[in-house]
N, C-alpha and C. Protein backbone atom coordinates (compact mmCIF):
# COMPACT_ATOMS: atom_id res chain seq x y z
N MET A 1 202.34 114.24 88.55
CA MET A 1 203.51 114.35 87.68
C MET A 1 203.10 114.92 86.32
N TRP A 2 203.87 115.87 85.82
CA TRP A 2 203.55 116.47 84.54
C TRP A 2 203.75 115.48 83.40
N ARG A 3 202.94 115.67 82.37
CA ARG A 3 203.13 114.90 81.13
C ARG A 3 203.64 115.87 80.07
N ILE A 4 204.81 115.60 79.53
CA ILE A 4 205.43 116.47 78.53
C ILE A 4 205.57 115.67 77.25
N ALA A 5 204.92 116.14 76.19
CA ALA A 5 204.90 115.38 74.94
C ALA A 5 204.95 116.31 73.74
N PRO A 6 205.48 115.82 72.62
CA PRO A 6 205.48 116.64 71.40
C PRO A 6 204.06 116.93 70.94
N ALA A 7 203.87 118.10 70.34
CA ALA A 7 202.61 118.46 69.70
C ALA A 7 202.97 118.89 68.27
N GLY A 8 203.20 117.90 67.42
CA GLY A 8 203.75 118.19 66.10
C GLY A 8 205.26 118.31 66.20
N ASP A 9 205.87 118.89 65.16
CA ASP A 9 207.33 119.01 65.15
C ASP A 9 207.83 120.39 65.55
N ARG A 10 206.90 121.26 65.98
CA ARG A 10 207.29 122.62 66.36
C ARG A 10 206.69 123.06 67.68
N ALA A 11 206.16 122.13 68.45
CA ALA A 11 205.53 122.50 69.72
C ALA A 11 205.63 121.38 70.73
N LEU A 12 205.48 121.77 71.99
CA LEU A 12 205.55 120.87 73.13
C LEU A 12 204.33 121.14 73.99
N LEU A 13 203.65 120.09 74.45
CA LEU A 13 202.49 120.25 75.31
C LEU A 13 202.80 119.74 76.71
N ILE A 14 202.70 120.63 77.70
CA ILE A 14 202.91 120.25 79.10
C ILE A 14 201.54 120.13 79.75
N THR A 15 201.17 118.93 80.16
CA THR A 15 199.89 118.69 80.81
C THR A 15 200.11 118.52 82.30
N ILE A 16 199.51 119.41 83.08
CA ILE A 16 199.72 119.40 84.53
C ILE A 16 198.62 118.63 85.25
N GLY A 17 197.43 118.57 84.66
CA GLY A 17 196.31 117.86 85.27
C GLY A 17 195.26 117.54 84.23
N THR A 18 194.13 117.00 84.70
CA THR A 18 193.09 116.56 83.77
C THR A 18 191.71 117.08 84.13
N VAL A 19 191.61 117.97 85.12
CA VAL A 19 190.31 118.49 85.53
C VAL A 19 190.33 120.02 85.47
N ILE A 20 189.12 120.60 85.52
CA ILE A 20 189.00 122.05 85.57
C ILE A 20 189.08 122.48 87.03
N ASP A 21 190.17 123.14 87.38
CA ASP A 21 190.42 123.47 88.78
C ASP A 21 191.27 124.75 88.83
N PRO A 22 190.85 125.74 89.62
CA PRO A 22 191.64 126.98 89.71
C PRO A 22 193.09 126.73 90.14
N ALA A 23 193.31 125.72 91.00
CA ALA A 23 194.67 125.44 91.46
C ALA A 23 195.55 124.99 90.30
N LEU A 24 195.00 124.16 89.42
CA LEU A 24 195.78 123.70 88.27
C LEU A 24 196.05 124.85 87.31
N LEU A 25 195.05 125.71 87.08
CA LEU A 25 195.27 126.87 86.23
C LEU A 25 196.35 127.77 86.82
N GLY A 26 196.36 127.88 88.16
CA GLY A 26 197.40 128.68 88.81
C GLY A 26 198.78 128.13 88.52
N GLN A 27 198.92 126.81 88.52
CA GLN A 27 200.22 126.20 88.21
C GLN A 27 200.60 126.45 86.75
N VAL A 28 199.62 126.37 85.86
CA VAL A 28 199.88 126.63 84.44
C VAL A 28 200.38 128.06 84.25
N LEU A 29 199.69 129.01 84.87
CA LEU A 29 200.07 130.41 84.70
C LEU A 29 201.43 130.70 85.35
N ALA A 30 201.72 130.02 86.46
CA ALA A 30 203.03 130.20 87.09
C ALA A 30 204.15 129.67 86.19
N LEU A 31 203.92 128.51 85.57
CA LEU A 31 204.90 127.97 84.63
C LEU A 31 205.06 128.89 83.43
N ASP A 32 203.96 129.42 82.95
CA ASP A 32 204.01 130.34 81.81
C ASP A 32 204.86 131.57 82.14
N ARG A 33 204.65 132.15 83.33
CA ARG A 33 205.43 133.32 83.74
C ARG A 33 206.90 132.96 83.88
N ALA A 34 207.19 131.80 84.44
CA ALA A 34 208.58 131.38 84.62
C ALA A 34 209.28 131.23 83.28
N LEU A 35 208.59 130.67 82.30
CA LEU A 35 209.20 130.50 80.98
C LEU A 35 209.37 131.83 80.26
N GLN A 36 208.48 132.76 80.54
CA GLN A 36 208.64 134.10 79.95
C GLN A 36 209.82 134.83 80.59
N ASP A 37 209.98 134.67 81.91
CA ASP A 37 211.07 135.35 82.61
C ASP A 37 212.43 134.72 82.31
N GLN A 38 212.46 133.41 82.17
CA GLN A 38 213.72 132.70 81.92
C GLN A 38 213.59 131.94 80.59
N ARG A 39 213.30 132.70 79.55
CA ARG A 39 212.93 132.12 78.26
C ARG A 39 214.01 131.17 77.73
N PRO A 40 213.67 129.89 77.60
CA PRO A 40 214.64 128.94 77.03
C PRO A 40 214.96 129.31 75.59
N ARG A 41 216.14 128.97 75.17
CA ARG A 41 216.57 129.27 73.81
C ARG A 41 215.65 128.56 72.81
N GLY A 42 215.14 129.32 71.85
CA GLY A 42 214.30 128.75 70.81
C GLY A 42 212.80 128.82 71.09
N LEU A 43 212.41 129.14 72.32
CA LEU A 43 210.98 129.24 72.63
C LEU A 43 210.40 130.46 71.93
N LEU A 44 209.30 130.26 71.18
CA LEU A 44 208.68 131.35 70.42
C LEU A 44 207.46 131.92 71.14
N SER A 45 206.57 131.07 71.60
CA SER A 45 205.34 131.55 72.24
C SER A 45 204.73 130.44 73.08
N THR A 46 203.81 130.84 73.95
CA THR A 46 203.12 129.88 74.81
C THR A 46 201.62 130.13 74.76
N VAL A 47 200.85 129.07 74.96
CA VAL A 47 199.39 129.17 74.98
C VAL A 47 198.87 128.43 76.21
N PRO A 48 198.51 129.15 77.28
CA PRO A 48 197.99 128.48 78.49
C PRO A 48 196.52 128.11 78.32
N ALA A 49 196.12 127.02 78.96
CA ALA A 49 194.73 126.58 79.00
C ALA A 49 194.47 125.95 80.35
N TYR A 50 193.29 125.34 80.50
CA TYR A 50 192.82 124.82 81.77
C TYR A 50 193.92 124.21 82.65
N ALA A 51 194.55 123.17 82.17
CA ALA A 51 195.56 122.47 82.96
C ALA A 51 196.75 122.08 82.10
N SER A 52 197.02 122.87 81.07
CA SER A 52 198.12 122.56 80.17
C SER A 52 198.71 123.85 79.59
N LEU A 53 199.92 123.70 79.05
CA LEU A 53 200.61 124.82 78.42
C LEU A 53 201.24 124.34 77.12
N LEU A 54 200.88 124.98 76.02
CA LEU A 54 201.48 124.66 74.73
C LEU A 54 202.64 125.61 74.48
N CYS A 55 203.79 125.06 74.13
CA CYS A 55 204.99 125.86 73.89
C CYS A 55 205.42 125.68 72.43
N ARG A 56 205.38 126.75 71.67
CA ARG A 56 205.86 126.70 70.29
C ARG A 56 207.34 127.07 70.27
N PHE A 57 208.13 126.35 69.44
CA PHE A 57 209.56 126.62 69.41
C PHE A 57 210.08 126.62 67.97
N ASP A 58 211.27 127.16 67.81
CA ASP A 58 211.94 127.21 66.52
C ASP A 58 212.78 125.93 66.38
N PRO A 59 212.41 125.02 65.46
CA PRO A 59 213.16 123.75 65.35
C PRO A 59 214.57 123.94 64.82
N GLY A 60 214.88 125.13 64.30
CA GLY A 60 216.24 125.39 63.87
C GLY A 60 217.15 125.79 65.01
N VAL A 61 216.56 126.04 66.18
CA VAL A 61 217.34 126.49 67.34
C VAL A 61 217.33 125.45 68.46
N THR A 62 216.19 124.78 68.65
CA THR A 62 216.08 123.80 69.73
C THR A 62 215.24 122.63 69.25
N ASP A 63 215.00 121.67 70.12
CA ASP A 63 214.16 120.53 69.77
C ASP A 63 213.32 120.12 70.99
N VAL A 64 212.49 119.11 70.81
CA VAL A 64 211.58 118.69 71.88
C VAL A 64 212.35 118.29 73.13
N ALA A 65 213.40 117.52 72.99
CA ALA A 65 214.14 117.02 74.15
C ALA A 65 214.76 118.15 74.97
N ARG A 66 215.41 119.08 74.28
CA ARG A 66 216.07 120.18 75.00
C ARG A 66 215.05 121.11 75.66
N LEU A 67 213.95 121.38 74.96
CA LEU A 67 212.93 122.24 75.57
C LEU A 67 212.27 121.54 76.75
N ALA A 68 212.04 120.24 76.62
CA ALA A 68 211.46 119.48 77.73
C ALA A 68 212.36 119.52 78.96
N ASP A 69 213.67 119.41 78.76
CA ASP A 69 214.61 119.50 79.88
C ASP A 69 214.53 120.87 80.55
N ALA A 70 214.39 121.92 79.75
CA ALA A 70 214.29 123.27 80.30
C ALA A 70 213.02 123.45 81.11
N VAL A 71 211.93 122.79 80.67
CA VAL A 71 210.65 122.91 81.37
C VAL A 71 210.67 122.12 82.68
N ARG A 72 211.30 120.97 82.68
CA ARG A 72 211.26 120.08 83.85
C ARG A 72 211.89 120.70 85.10
N GLN A 73 212.73 121.69 84.93
CA GLN A 73 213.34 122.31 86.11
C GLN A 73 212.30 123.01 86.98
N PHE A 74 211.13 123.31 86.40
CA PHE A 74 210.09 124.00 87.16
C PHE A 74 209.08 123.03 87.76
N GLU A 75 209.18 121.74 87.43
CA GLU A 75 208.23 120.76 87.95
C GLU A 75 208.45 120.59 89.45
N GLY A 76 207.35 120.50 90.17
CA GLY A 76 207.45 120.32 91.61
C GLY A 76 207.52 121.61 92.38
N ALA A 77 207.45 122.76 91.67
CA ALA A 77 207.45 124.04 92.36
C ALA A 77 206.18 124.17 93.20
N GLU A 78 206.25 124.99 94.23
CA GLU A 78 205.09 125.18 95.10
C GLU A 78 203.92 125.74 94.30
N GLU A 79 202.73 125.34 94.74
CA GLU A 79 201.51 125.82 94.07
C GLU A 79 201.43 127.34 94.18
N VAL A 80 201.09 127.97 93.06
CA VAL A 80 200.99 129.43 93.02
C VAL A 80 199.54 129.80 92.73
N SER A 81 198.98 130.69 93.54
CA SER A 81 197.60 131.11 93.32
C SER A 81 197.53 132.05 92.12
N ILE A 82 196.36 132.12 91.54
CA ILE A 82 196.15 132.99 90.39
C ILE A 82 196.18 134.44 90.85
N PRO A 83 196.95 135.30 90.20
CA PRO A 83 197.01 136.70 90.62
C PRO A 83 195.63 137.35 90.62
N SER A 84 195.39 138.18 91.60
CA SER A 84 194.12 138.90 91.67
C SER A 84 194.09 139.98 90.60
N THR A 85 193.04 139.99 89.81
CA THR A 85 192.89 140.99 88.76
C THR A 85 191.54 141.67 88.91
N PRO A 86 191.38 142.90 88.41
CA PRO A 86 190.08 143.56 88.48
C PRO A 86 189.02 142.74 87.74
N VAL A 87 187.82 142.73 88.29
CA VAL A 87 186.72 142.01 87.66
C VAL A 87 186.15 142.88 86.53
N VAL A 88 186.09 142.32 85.35
CA VAL A 88 185.55 143.04 84.19
C VAL A 88 184.06 142.75 84.08
N GLU A 89 183.27 143.79 83.99
CA GLU A 89 181.82 143.61 83.86
C GLU A 89 181.44 143.45 82.39
N ILE A 90 180.61 142.45 82.12
CA ILE A 90 180.13 142.17 80.77
C ILE A 90 178.66 142.57 80.69
N PRO A 91 178.34 143.73 80.09
CA PRO A 91 176.93 144.09 79.96
C PRO A 91 176.20 143.06 79.09
N THR A 92 175.15 142.47 79.65
CA THR A 92 174.53 141.31 79.02
C THR A 92 173.02 141.51 78.86
N ARG A 93 172.56 141.29 77.64
CA ARG A 93 171.11 141.22 77.39
C ARG A 93 170.72 139.74 77.44
N TYR A 94 169.94 139.38 78.42
CA TYR A 94 169.53 138.00 78.58
C TYR A 94 168.28 137.73 77.74
N ASP A 95 168.51 137.58 76.45
CA ASP A 95 167.40 137.33 75.52
C ASP A 95 167.75 136.22 74.54
N GLY A 96 168.62 135.29 74.96
CA GLY A 96 169.06 134.23 74.08
C GLY A 96 167.95 133.27 73.70
N PRO A 97 168.04 132.66 72.53
CA PRO A 97 166.96 131.77 72.06
C PRO A 97 166.77 130.52 72.91
N ASP A 98 167.78 130.12 73.68
CA ASP A 98 167.66 128.91 74.49
C ASP A 98 167.30 129.19 75.94
N LEU A 99 167.13 130.45 76.30
CA LEU A 99 166.86 130.80 77.69
C LEU A 99 165.58 130.13 78.21
N PRO A 100 164.46 130.18 77.49
CA PRO A 100 163.24 129.54 78.03
C PRO A 100 163.42 128.03 78.21
N GLU A 101 164.07 127.36 77.24
CA GLU A 101 164.24 125.90 77.34
C GLU A 101 165.17 125.53 78.50
N VAL A 102 166.26 126.29 78.69
CA VAL A 102 167.16 126.01 79.81
C VAL A 102 166.44 126.22 81.13
N ALA A 103 165.63 127.27 81.22
CA ALA A 103 164.86 127.50 82.45
C ALA A 103 163.93 126.33 82.72
N LEU A 104 163.30 125.80 81.65
CA LEU A 104 162.40 124.67 81.82
C LEU A 104 163.16 123.44 82.30
N LYS A 105 164.31 123.18 81.72
CA LYS A 105 165.11 122.00 82.09
C LYS A 105 165.59 122.08 83.54
N THR A 106 165.87 123.28 84.00
CA THR A 106 166.43 123.45 85.35
C THR A 106 165.37 123.75 86.39
N LEU A 107 164.10 123.72 85.98
CA LEU A 107 162.98 123.96 86.88
C LEU A 107 163.06 125.36 87.51
N LEU A 108 163.52 126.31 86.72
CA LEU A 108 163.62 127.69 87.17
C LEU A 108 162.79 128.59 86.27
N THR A 109 162.49 129.76 86.76
CA THR A 109 161.94 130.78 85.87
C THR A 109 163.09 131.41 85.10
N PRO A 110 162.85 132.03 83.95
CA PRO A 110 163.93 132.74 83.27
C PRO A 110 164.61 133.76 84.18
N ALA A 111 163.82 134.47 85.00
CA ALA A 111 164.41 135.46 85.91
C ALA A 111 165.32 134.79 86.93
N GLY A 112 164.91 133.61 87.42
CA GLY A 112 165.73 132.89 88.38
C GLY A 112 167.02 132.40 87.77
N LEU A 113 166.95 131.94 86.53
CA LEU A 113 168.14 131.48 85.83
C LEU A 113 169.12 132.65 85.63
N ILE A 114 168.58 133.79 85.22
CA ILE A 114 169.43 134.98 85.01
C ILE A 114 170.10 135.39 86.31
N GLU A 115 169.34 135.35 87.39
CA GLU A 115 169.89 135.75 88.69
C GLU A 115 171.06 134.86 89.09
N LEU A 116 170.94 133.55 88.85
CA LEU A 116 172.02 132.64 89.19
C LEU A 116 173.24 132.84 88.28
N HIS A 117 173.00 133.02 86.98
CA HIS A 117 174.11 133.20 86.04
C HIS A 117 174.87 134.48 86.32
N ALA A 118 174.15 135.54 86.64
CA ALA A 118 174.77 136.85 86.85
C ALA A 118 175.23 137.06 88.30
N GLY A 119 174.99 136.09 89.15
CA GLY A 119 175.21 136.30 90.57
C GLY A 119 176.58 135.89 91.08
N ARG A 120 177.56 135.68 90.20
CA ARG A 120 178.89 135.29 90.67
C ARG A 120 179.96 135.78 89.71
N GLU A 121 181.20 135.76 90.20
CA GLU A 121 182.35 136.05 89.34
C GLU A 121 182.79 134.77 88.65
N TYR A 122 183.34 134.92 87.46
CA TYR A 122 183.83 133.77 86.71
C TYR A 122 185.31 133.94 86.41
N LEU A 123 186.00 132.82 86.38
CA LEU A 123 187.42 132.79 86.03
C LEU A 123 187.55 132.36 84.58
N VAL A 124 188.37 133.08 83.82
CA VAL A 124 188.63 132.68 82.44
C VAL A 124 189.67 131.56 82.46
N TYR A 125 189.28 130.40 81.94
CA TYR A 125 190.17 129.23 81.94
C TYR A 125 190.91 129.06 80.63
N CYS A 126 190.29 129.49 79.54
CA CYS A 126 190.88 129.21 78.25
C CYS A 126 190.30 130.16 77.21
N VAL A 127 191.07 130.47 76.20
CA VAL A 127 190.60 131.25 75.05
C VAL A 127 190.97 130.47 73.81
N GLY A 128 189.96 130.06 73.04
CA GLY A 128 190.29 129.25 71.88
C GLY A 128 189.09 128.70 71.17
N PHE A 129 189.27 127.62 70.42
CA PHE A 129 188.31 126.95 69.54
C PHE A 129 188.03 127.84 68.33
N ALA A 130 187.58 129.07 68.55
CA ALA A 130 187.47 130.09 67.51
C ALA A 130 188.16 131.33 68.09
N PRO A 131 188.60 132.26 67.24
CA PRO A 131 189.32 133.42 67.77
C PRO A 131 188.55 134.14 68.87
N GLY A 132 189.19 134.25 70.05
CA GLY A 132 188.62 135.00 71.15
C GLY A 132 187.55 134.32 71.95
N PHE A 133 187.13 133.09 71.56
CA PHE A 133 186.09 132.42 72.34
C PHE A 133 186.58 132.25 73.77
N THR A 134 185.76 132.69 74.73
CA THR A 134 186.19 132.77 76.12
C THR A 134 185.46 131.73 76.96
N TYR A 135 186.22 130.75 77.48
CA TYR A 135 185.67 129.70 78.34
C TYR A 135 185.80 130.15 79.80
N CYS A 136 184.69 130.14 80.53
CA CYS A 136 184.69 130.61 81.92
C CYS A 136 184.03 129.58 82.83
N GLY A 137 184.38 129.62 84.10
CA GLY A 137 183.76 128.73 85.08
C GLY A 137 183.94 129.30 86.47
N ALA A 138 183.29 128.70 87.43
CA ALA A 138 182.42 127.55 87.22
C ALA A 138 180.96 128.00 87.37
N LEU A 139 180.13 127.43 86.53
CA LEU A 139 178.70 127.75 86.54
C LEU A 139 178.04 127.12 87.76
N PRO A 140 177.02 127.75 88.34
CA PRO A 140 176.30 127.10 89.44
C PRO A 140 175.73 125.75 89.01
N ASP A 141 175.76 124.79 89.90
CA ASP A 141 175.23 123.45 89.59
C ASP A 141 173.78 123.51 89.14
N GLU A 142 173.03 124.45 89.70
CA GLU A 142 171.59 124.51 89.43
C GLU A 142 171.27 124.80 87.96
N ILE A 143 172.20 125.40 87.23
CA ILE A 143 171.90 125.75 85.83
C ILE A 143 172.87 125.06 84.86
N ALA A 144 173.53 124.01 85.33
CA ALA A 144 174.42 123.25 84.45
C ALA A 144 173.58 122.33 83.57
N VAL A 145 173.68 122.50 82.26
CA VAL A 145 172.93 121.69 81.30
C VAL A 145 173.88 121.22 80.19
N PRO A 146 173.58 120.10 79.54
CA PRO A 146 174.47 119.62 78.47
C PRO A 146 174.43 120.54 77.25
N ARG A 147 175.42 120.35 76.37
CA ARG A 147 175.41 121.04 75.09
C ARG A 147 174.17 120.64 74.29
N LEU A 148 173.87 121.41 73.26
CA LEU A 148 172.77 121.07 72.37
C LEU A 148 173.06 119.76 71.65
N ALA A 149 172.02 118.99 71.39
CA ALA A 149 172.19 117.72 70.69
C ALA A 149 172.69 117.95 69.27
N SER A 150 172.25 119.05 68.64
CA SER A 150 172.69 119.40 67.29
C SER A 150 173.21 120.83 67.29
N PRO A 151 174.50 121.02 67.05
CA PRO A 151 175.07 122.38 67.05
C PRO A 151 174.45 123.26 65.98
N ARG A 152 174.40 124.55 66.25
CA ARG A 152 173.97 125.52 65.25
C ARG A 152 175.10 125.74 64.25
N LEU A 153 174.72 125.99 63.01
CA LEU A 153 175.72 126.30 62.00
C LEU A 153 176.22 127.73 62.13
N ARG A 154 175.41 128.59 62.74
CA ARG A 154 175.80 130.01 62.86
C ARG A 154 175.38 130.55 64.22
N VAL A 155 176.35 130.98 64.99
CA VAL A 155 176.11 131.65 66.27
C VAL A 155 176.69 133.06 66.15
N PRO A 156 175.90 134.10 66.35
CA PRO A 156 176.40 135.47 66.18
C PRO A 156 177.48 135.82 67.19
N ALA A 157 178.39 136.69 66.78
CA ALA A 157 179.42 137.20 67.69
C ALA A 157 178.75 137.90 68.87
N GLY A 158 179.32 137.72 70.05
CA GLY A 158 178.77 138.32 71.26
C GLY A 158 177.80 137.44 72.01
N SER A 159 177.43 136.29 71.41
CA SER A 159 176.49 135.39 72.08
C SER A 159 177.12 134.79 73.33
N ILE A 160 176.30 134.64 74.36
CA ILE A 160 176.74 134.07 75.64
C ILE A 160 176.01 132.75 75.84
N GLY A 161 176.77 131.68 76.05
CA GLY A 161 176.17 130.36 76.18
C GLY A 161 176.61 129.64 77.42
N ILE A 162 175.94 128.53 77.72
CA ILE A 162 176.32 127.68 78.83
C ILE A 162 176.34 126.23 78.34
N ALA A 163 177.24 125.44 78.92
CA ALA A 163 177.35 124.02 78.59
C ALA A 163 178.08 123.34 79.73
N GLY A 164 177.46 122.31 80.32
CA GLY A 164 178.06 121.71 81.50
C GLY A 164 178.15 122.75 82.60
N ARG A 165 179.31 122.83 83.25
CA ARG A 165 179.49 123.82 84.31
C ARG A 165 180.33 125.00 83.82
N GLN A 166 180.26 125.25 82.51
CA GLN A 166 180.99 126.38 81.94
C GLN A 166 180.04 127.36 81.27
N THR A 167 180.48 128.59 81.21
CA THR A 167 179.78 129.59 80.41
C THR A 167 180.82 130.21 79.49
N GLY A 168 180.39 130.61 78.31
CA GLY A 168 181.35 131.11 77.32
C GLY A 168 180.78 132.22 76.48
N ILE A 169 181.68 132.96 75.84
CA ILE A 169 181.29 134.07 74.98
C ILE A 169 181.87 133.84 73.59
N TYR A 170 181.02 133.84 72.59
CA TYR A 170 181.46 133.72 71.20
C TYR A 170 181.97 135.08 70.74
N ALA A 171 183.25 135.16 70.45
CA ALA A 171 183.84 136.44 70.07
C ALA A 171 183.65 136.75 68.59
N VAL A 172 183.50 135.71 67.78
CA VAL A 172 183.26 135.89 66.35
C VAL A 172 182.12 134.96 65.95
N GLU A 173 181.50 135.25 64.84
CA GLU A 173 180.45 134.37 64.34
C GLU A 173 181.05 133.02 63.97
N SER A 174 180.42 131.95 64.43
CA SER A 174 180.95 130.62 64.18
C SER A 174 179.86 129.59 64.46
N PRO A 175 180.07 128.33 64.06
CA PRO A 175 179.17 127.27 64.52
C PRO A 175 179.33 127.09 66.03
N GLY A 176 178.35 126.47 66.66
CA GLY A 176 178.48 126.26 68.10
C GLY A 176 177.32 125.47 68.67
N GLY A 177 177.61 124.72 69.73
CA GLY A 177 176.60 123.87 70.32
C GLY A 177 176.21 124.22 71.74
N TRP A 178 176.58 125.43 72.20
CA TRP A 178 176.24 125.81 73.56
C TRP A 178 174.81 126.37 73.61
N ASN A 179 174.19 126.31 74.78
CA ASN A 179 172.85 126.87 74.98
C ASN A 179 172.98 128.39 75.09
N LEU A 180 172.37 129.11 74.16
CA LEU A 180 172.52 130.57 74.12
C LEU A 180 171.47 131.23 75.01
N ILE A 181 171.96 131.96 76.03
CA ILE A 181 171.03 132.59 76.97
C ILE A 181 171.10 134.11 76.92
N GLY A 182 172.10 134.68 76.23
CA GLY A 182 172.21 136.13 76.18
C GLY A 182 173.22 136.57 75.15
N ARG A 183 173.53 137.87 75.19
CA ARG A 183 174.50 138.44 74.24
C ARG A 183 175.08 139.72 74.82
N THR A 184 176.25 140.07 74.34
CA THR A 184 176.90 141.31 74.74
C THR A 184 177.38 142.05 73.50
N ALA A 185 177.45 143.36 73.62
CA ALA A 185 177.94 144.18 72.50
C ALA A 185 179.44 144.40 72.58
N LEU A 186 180.09 143.91 73.65
CA LEU A 186 181.54 144.08 73.77
C LEU A 186 182.25 143.36 72.64
N ARG A 187 183.30 143.98 72.11
CA ARG A 187 184.09 143.33 71.08
C ARG A 187 185.23 142.57 71.75
N LEU A 188 185.23 141.26 71.56
CA LEU A 188 186.21 140.41 72.25
C LEU A 188 187.39 140.01 71.39
N PHE A 189 187.29 140.26 70.07
CA PHE A 189 188.39 139.89 69.18
C PHE A 189 188.58 140.98 68.13
N ASP A 190 189.82 141.46 68.03
CA ASP A 190 190.18 142.48 67.05
C ASP A 190 191.53 142.10 66.46
N PRO A 191 191.54 141.56 65.23
CA PRO A 191 192.80 141.09 64.65
C PRO A 191 193.83 142.19 64.43
N SER A 192 193.40 143.46 64.45
CA SER A 192 194.34 144.56 64.25
C SER A 192 194.97 145.03 65.55
N ALA A 193 194.49 144.53 66.69
CA ALA A 193 194.99 144.96 68.00
C ALA A 193 196.05 143.99 68.50
N ASP A 194 196.81 144.44 69.51
CA ASP A 194 197.82 143.61 70.14
C ASP A 194 197.70 143.77 71.66
N PRO A 195 197.17 142.79 72.39
CA PRO A 195 196.75 141.47 71.89
C PRO A 195 195.41 141.56 71.16
N SER A 196 195.14 140.57 70.34
CA SER A 196 193.92 140.58 69.53
C SER A 196 192.69 140.14 70.31
N THR A 197 192.88 139.44 71.44
CA THR A 197 191.75 138.96 72.23
C THR A 197 191.54 139.83 73.47
N ARG A 198 190.30 139.99 73.86
CA ARG A 198 189.96 140.85 75.00
C ARG A 198 190.37 140.23 76.32
N PHE A 199 190.26 138.90 76.42
CA PHE A 199 190.55 138.23 77.69
C PHE A 199 191.66 137.20 77.52
N LYS A 200 192.21 136.78 78.66
CA LYS A 200 193.24 135.75 78.70
C LYS A 200 193.00 134.88 79.92
N PRO A 201 193.52 133.65 79.96
CA PRO A 201 193.35 132.81 81.14
C PRO A 201 193.84 133.51 82.41
N GLY A 202 193.03 133.39 83.46
CA GLY A 202 193.35 134.05 84.73
C GLY A 202 192.56 135.32 84.95
N ASP A 203 191.97 135.88 83.89
CA ASP A 203 191.13 137.07 84.05
C ASP A 203 189.84 136.69 84.76
N ARG A 204 189.19 137.69 85.33
CA ARG A 204 187.93 137.46 86.04
C ARG A 204 186.87 138.39 85.46
N LEU A 205 185.64 137.87 85.37
CA LEU A 205 184.57 138.69 84.82
C LEU A 205 183.24 138.38 85.49
N ARG A 206 182.32 139.29 85.29
CA ARG A 206 180.96 139.13 85.83
C ARG A 206 179.98 139.62 84.78
N PHE A 207 178.90 138.88 84.60
CA PHE A 207 177.86 139.26 83.65
C PHE A 207 176.85 140.18 84.35
N VAL A 208 176.61 141.34 83.76
CA VAL A 208 175.73 142.34 84.36
C VAL A 208 174.49 142.50 83.47
N PRO A 209 173.31 142.14 83.96
CA PRO A 209 172.10 142.27 83.14
C PRO A 209 171.80 143.72 82.78
N ILE A 210 171.42 143.95 81.53
CA ILE A 210 170.97 145.27 81.09
C ILE A 210 169.64 145.10 80.40
N PRO A 211 168.81 146.17 80.35
CA PRO A 211 167.49 146.04 79.70
C PRO A 211 167.63 145.65 78.24
């Protein structure tokens, strides 16, 4: 059963589940498309994530109760798979400062760790925390490691990290606690562009090692 609750006085949060699962993301994206196609009065924008959808609205036009009623008509709809999209290749230099330590923790060689990280497609589950930061999954169990005990105050834009069973890309320079194993020169965030972020939930990507 969905959980629908206020998120401040100008937004509504619809929580469909509590785990990282492609099926739940598929339901989130299906709800997002339905609300875009049959836009309730007063709805301004939506932000999809792992298993939830944030809906921003104009409080001068609608309110939490009316928007919640509009959303509930879609509850119980059949599960919708994530649309197939072209896989975007991320040219990656695997020279991150944490690569040797992660290899040691996982009982792998650096080359073996790189092979596992680059050896599969990833689904984008969420974009957030900092502008354009791209959360992807699922990482192979063999290279799943916890976040750093002490976050770095500065992580350069383009850094590629791993934490738990997720891998992510820092789109802008920011603090961060993920294990940095590589970097890419791709620009993932451009405030002058529309959309400003390179990826969105439901996109698929693959990391491609380069010299």
